[in-house]
């Protein structure tokens, strides 16, 4: 149950970031990639990787258009709260 709430909060925040594209600094922070190389071995999972996995597990086809429709995105966030899988 706790994981589902974290997943739902993560998707909610992801939708908020994409809806606030007018804020240039927020977009820059979100899309920023450090110039450093990642260490060898198993790489750490990034926040974006978790979002991609959540979207894939929830079978959201066109997430970019769903984010701009607030009611539709809220349904996916609620679906993430009760998702078992």
N, C-alpha and C. Protein backbone atom coordinates (compact mmCIF):
# COMPACT_ATOMS: atom_id res chain seq x y z
N UNK A 1 0.82 -1.19 0.00
CA UNK A 1 0.00 0.00 0.00
C UNK A 1 0.86 1.25 0.00
N UNK A 2 1.96 1.23 0.79
CA UNK A 2 2.84 2.37 0.86
C UNK A 2 3.48 2.65 -0.50
N UNK A 3 3.89 1.60 -1.20
CA UNK A 3 4.52 1.78 -2.52
C UNK A 3 3.55 2.42 -3.50
N UNK A 4 2.29 2.04 -3.42
CA UNK A 4 1.30 2.60 -4.33
C UNK A 4 1.11 4.09 -4.07
N UNK A 5 1.14 4.51 -2.80
CA UNK A 5 1.02 5.93 -2.50
C UNK A 5 2.23 6.70 -3.02
N UNK A 6 3.41 6.13 -2.90
CA UNK A 6 4.61 6.77 -3.42
C UNK A 6 4.52 6.89 -4.93
N UNK A 7 4.07 5.82 -5.57
CA UNK A 7 3.92 5.84 -7.02
C UNK A 7 2.91 6.90 -7.45
N UNK A 8 1.81 7.00 -6.74
CA UNK A 8 0.79 7.99 -7.07
C UNK A 8 1.31 9.41 -6.86
N UNK A 9 2.05 9.64 -5.78
CA UNK A 9 2.61 10.96 -5.55
C UNK A 9 3.65 11.32 -6.59
N UNK A 10 4.43 10.34 -7.01
CA UNK A 10 5.44 10.56 -8.05
C UNK A 10 4.78 10.94 -9.37
N UNK A 11 3.71 10.24 -9.74
CA UNK A 11 3.00 10.57 -10.97
C UNK A 11 2.32 11.93 -10.87
N UNK A 12 1.80 12.26 -9.71
CA UNK A 12 1.17 13.56 -9.52
C UNK A 12 2.18 14.68 -9.69
N UNK A 13 3.36 14.52 -9.09
CA UNK A 13 4.41 15.53 -9.21
C UNK A 13 4.91 15.63 -10.65
N UNK A 14 5.01 14.49 -11.33
CA UNK A 14 5.42 14.48 -12.73
C UNK A 14 4.44 15.26 -13.59
N UNK A 15 3.16 15.07 -13.34
CA UNK A 15 2.14 15.83 -14.07
C UNK A 15 2.23 17.31 -13.77
N UNK A 16 2.50 17.65 -12.52
CA UNK A 16 2.64 19.06 -12.13
C UNK A 16 3.82 19.70 -12.86
N UNK A 17 4.94 19.00 -12.95
CA UNK A 17 6.11 19.54 -13.65
C UNK A 17 5.80 19.82 -15.11
N UNK A 18 5.08 18.91 -15.74
CA UNK A 18 4.78 19.10 -17.16
C UNK A 18 3.72 20.17 -17.40
N UNK A 19 2.86 20.40 -16.44
CA UNK A 19 1.86 21.45 -16.60
C UNK A 19 2.44 22.83 -16.35
N UNK A 20 3.52 22.93 -15.61
CA UNK A 20 4.14 24.22 -15.27
C UNK A 20 5.29 24.53 -16.22
N UNK A 21 5.06 24.43 -17.51
CA UNK A 21 6.13 24.68 -18.46
C UNK A 21 6.43 26.16 -18.63
N UNK A 22 5.59 27.03 -18.11
CA UNK A 22 5.84 28.46 -18.22
C UNK A 22 7.00 28.88 -17.32
N UNK A 23 7.27 28.10 -16.31
CA UNK A 23 8.37 28.42 -15.40
C UNK A 23 9.66 27.86 -16.00
N UNK A 24 10.46 28.74 -16.54
CA UNK A 24 11.67 28.33 -17.25
C UNK A 24 12.67 27.62 -16.34
N UNK A 25 12.83 28.08 -15.10
CA UNK A 25 13.80 27.47 -14.21
C UNK A 25 13.40 26.04 -13.85
N UNK A 26 12.10 25.80 -13.73
CA UNK A 26 11.64 24.46 -13.40
C UNK A 26 11.92 23.50 -14.55
N UNK A 27 11.69 23.97 -15.77
CA UNK A 27 11.96 23.14 -16.93
C UNK A 27 13.46 22.86 -17.06
N UNK A 28 14.29 23.85 -16.77
CA UNK A 28 15.73 23.66 -16.85
C UNK A 28 16.23 22.64 -15.82
N UNK A 29 15.69 22.70 -14.63
CA UNK A 29 16.08 21.75 -13.59
C UNK A 29 15.62 20.35 -13.97
N UNK A 30 14.43 20.24 -14.50
CA UNK A 30 13.88 18.93 -14.86
C UNK A 30 14.67 18.29 -16.00
N UNK A 31 15.07 19.07 -16.99
CA UNK A 31 15.74 18.51 -18.16
C UNK A 31 17.27 18.52 -18.05
N UNK A 32 17.81 19.03 -16.94
CA UNK A 32 19.25 19.13 -16.78
C UNK A 32 19.88 17.76 -16.68
N UNK A 33 21.00 17.59 -17.35
CA UNK A 33 21.76 16.35 -17.27
C UNK A 33 23.19 16.71 -16.88
N UNK A 34 23.71 16.13 -15.82
CA UNK A 34 25.07 16.46 -15.39
C UNK A 34 26.10 15.97 -16.41
N UNK A 35 27.23 16.62 -16.45
CA UNK A 35 28.28 16.28 -17.41
C UNK A 35 29.16 15.14 -16.90
N UNK A 36 28.97 14.72 -15.68
CA UNK A 36 29.78 13.66 -15.10
C UNK A 36 29.39 12.31 -15.66
N UNK A 37 30.32 11.39 -15.64
CA UNK A 37 30.00 10.03 -16.06
C UNK A 37 29.47 9.26 -14.86
N UNK A 38 28.68 8.28 -15.15
CA UNK A 38 28.13 7.44 -14.08
C UNK A 38 29.12 6.34 -13.75
N UNK A 39 29.15 5.89 -12.50
CA UNK A 39 30.12 4.86 -12.11
C UNK A 39 29.83 3.52 -12.81
N UNK A 40 30.87 2.71 -12.89
CA UNK A 40 30.72 1.39 -13.49
C UNK A 40 29.89 0.49 -12.59
N UNK A 41 29.40 -0.56 -13.17
CA UNK A 41 28.57 -1.49 -12.41
C UNK A 41 27.10 -1.18 -12.64
N UNK A 42 26.30 -1.62 -11.71
CA UNK A 42 24.86 -1.39 -11.83
C UNK A 42 24.56 0.08 -11.53
N UNK A 43 23.96 0.75 -12.48
CA UNK A 43 23.66 2.16 -12.31
C UNK A 43 22.45 2.35 -11.40
N UNK A 44 22.44 3.46 -10.70
CA UNK A 44 21.32 3.75 -9.82
C UNK A 44 20.11 4.14 -10.66
N UNK A 45 18.95 3.76 -10.19
CA UNK A 45 17.72 4.09 -10.90
C UNK A 45 17.39 5.56 -10.66
N UNK A 46 17.16 6.28 -11.75
CA UNK A 46 16.84 7.70 -11.66
C UNK A 46 15.33 7.86 -11.52
N UNK A 47 14.94 9.07 -11.13
CA UNK A 47 13.54 9.41 -10.94
C UNK A 47 12.76 9.22 -12.24
N UNK A 48 13.37 9.62 -13.34
CA UNK A 48 12.71 9.50 -14.65
C UNK A 48 12.51 8.03 -15.01
N UNK A 49 13.46 7.18 -14.63
CA UNK A 49 13.31 5.74 -14.90
C UNK A 49 12.12 5.16 -14.14
N UNK A 50 11.94 5.61 -12.89
CA UNK A 50 10.77 5.16 -12.12
C UNK A 50 9.47 5.62 -12.77
N UNK A 51 9.45 6.84 -13.27
CA UNK A 51 8.26 7.35 -13.95
C UNK A 51 7.96 6.53 -15.19
N UNK A 52 8.97 6.24 -15.97
CA UNK A 52 8.77 5.43 -17.19
C UNK A 52 8.21 4.06 -16.85
N UNK A 53 8.73 3.44 -15.79
CA UNK A 53 8.22 2.13 -15.37
C UNK A 53 6.77 2.22 -14.90
N UNK A 54 6.45 3.28 -14.15
CA UNK A 54 5.07 3.46 -13.69
C UNK A 54 4.12 3.63 -14.85
N UNK A 55 4.51 4.45 -15.82
CA UNK A 55 3.66 4.69 -17.00
C UNK A 55 3.48 3.39 -17.79
N UNK A 56 4.55 2.61 -17.90
CA UNK A 56 4.46 1.35 -18.64
C UNK A 56 3.56 0.35 -17.91
N UNK A 57 3.70 0.26 -16.57
CA UNK A 57 2.88 -0.68 -15.81
C UNK A 57 1.41 -0.31 -15.81
N UNK A 58 1.13 0.99 -15.80
CA UNK A 58 -0.26 1.44 -15.82
C UNK A 58 -0.86 1.46 -17.23
N UNK A 59 -0.03 1.15 -18.22
CA UNK A 59 -0.44 1.08 -19.62
C UNK A 59 -1.04 2.39 -20.12
N UNK A 60 -0.33 3.47 -19.84
CA UNK A 60 -0.74 4.79 -20.32
C UNK A 60 -0.10 4.98 -21.68
N UNK A 61 -0.92 5.05 -22.71
CA UNK A 61 -0.41 5.11 -24.08
C UNK A 61 0.20 6.47 -24.40
N UNK A 62 -0.56 7.53 -24.29
CA UNK A 62 -0.06 8.85 -24.64
C UNK A 62 -0.08 9.74 -23.40
N UNK A 63 0.95 9.60 -22.59
CA UNK A 63 0.97 10.31 -21.31
C UNK A 63 1.09 11.81 -21.50
N UNK A 64 1.71 12.26 -22.59
CA UNK A 64 1.89 13.70 -22.80
C UNK A 64 0.54 14.39 -22.98
N UNK A 65 -0.37 13.77 -23.70
CA UNK A 65 -1.69 14.38 -23.87
C UNK A 65 -2.56 14.20 -22.62
N UNK A 66 -2.33 13.12 -21.88
CA UNK A 66 -3.10 12.89 -20.65
C UNK A 66 -2.74 13.90 -19.57
N UNK A 67 -1.49 14.32 -19.51
CA UNK A 67 -1.06 15.26 -18.48
C UNK A 67 -1.77 16.58 -18.63
N UNK A 68 -1.99 17.03 -19.85
CA UNK A 68 -2.63 18.33 -20.07
C UNK A 68 -4.13 18.29 -19.81
N UNK A 69 -4.70 17.10 -19.76
CA UNK A 69 -6.10 16.94 -19.36
C UNK A 69 -6.10 16.55 -17.89
N UNK A 70 -6.29 17.54 -17.02
CA UNK A 70 -6.12 17.34 -15.57
C UNK A 70 -7.01 16.23 -15.02
N UNK A 71 -8.26 16.19 -15.45
CA UNK A 71 -9.18 15.17 -14.93
C UNK A 71 -8.73 13.77 -15.32
N UNK A 72 -8.27 13.62 -16.53
CA UNK A 72 -7.80 12.32 -17.00
C UNK A 72 -6.55 11.90 -16.24
N UNK A 73 -5.63 12.84 -16.01
CA UNK A 73 -4.40 12.51 -15.29
C UNK A 73 -4.69 12.14 -13.84
N UNK A 74 -5.68 12.82 -13.22
CA UNK A 74 -6.05 12.48 -11.84
C UNK A 74 -6.60 11.06 -11.75
N UNK A 75 -7.28 10.62 -12.80
CA UNK A 75 -7.77 9.23 -12.81
C UNK A 75 -6.61 8.24 -12.82
N UNK A 76 -5.55 8.56 -13.57
CA UNK A 76 -4.38 7.68 -13.59
C UNK A 76 -3.66 7.68 -12.25
N UNK A 77 -3.61 8.84 -11.60
CA UNK A 77 -2.98 8.91 -10.27
C UNK A 77 -3.78 8.08 -9.27
N UNK A 78 -5.09 8.16 -9.33
CA UNK A 78 -5.93 7.34 -8.45
C UNK A 78 -5.79 5.85 -8.78
N UNK A 79 -5.65 5.55 -10.06
CA UNK A 79 -5.46 4.16 -10.48
C UNK A 79 -4.14 3.62 -9.93
N UNK A 80 -3.13 4.47 -9.84
CA UNK A 80 -1.83 4.05 -9.31
C UNK A 80 -1.92 3.72 -7.83
N UNK A 81 -2.83 4.36 -7.11
CA UNK A 81 -2.98 4.10 -5.68
C UNK A 81 -3.51 2.69 -5.41
N UNK A 82 -4.35 2.19 -6.30
CA UNK A 82 -4.96 0.88 -6.08
C UNK A 82 -4.35 -0.21 -6.95
N UNK A 83 -3.32 0.14 -7.73
CA UNK A 83 -2.72 -0.80 -8.68
C UNK A 83 -1.93 -1.89 -7.94
N UNK A 84 -2.15 -3.12 -8.33
CA UNK A 84 -1.39 -4.25 -7.80
C UNK A 84 -0.67 -4.93 -8.95
N UNK A 85 0.62 -4.74 -9.03
CA UNK A 85 1.31 -5.39 -10.12
C UNK A 85 2.68 -4.95 -10.34
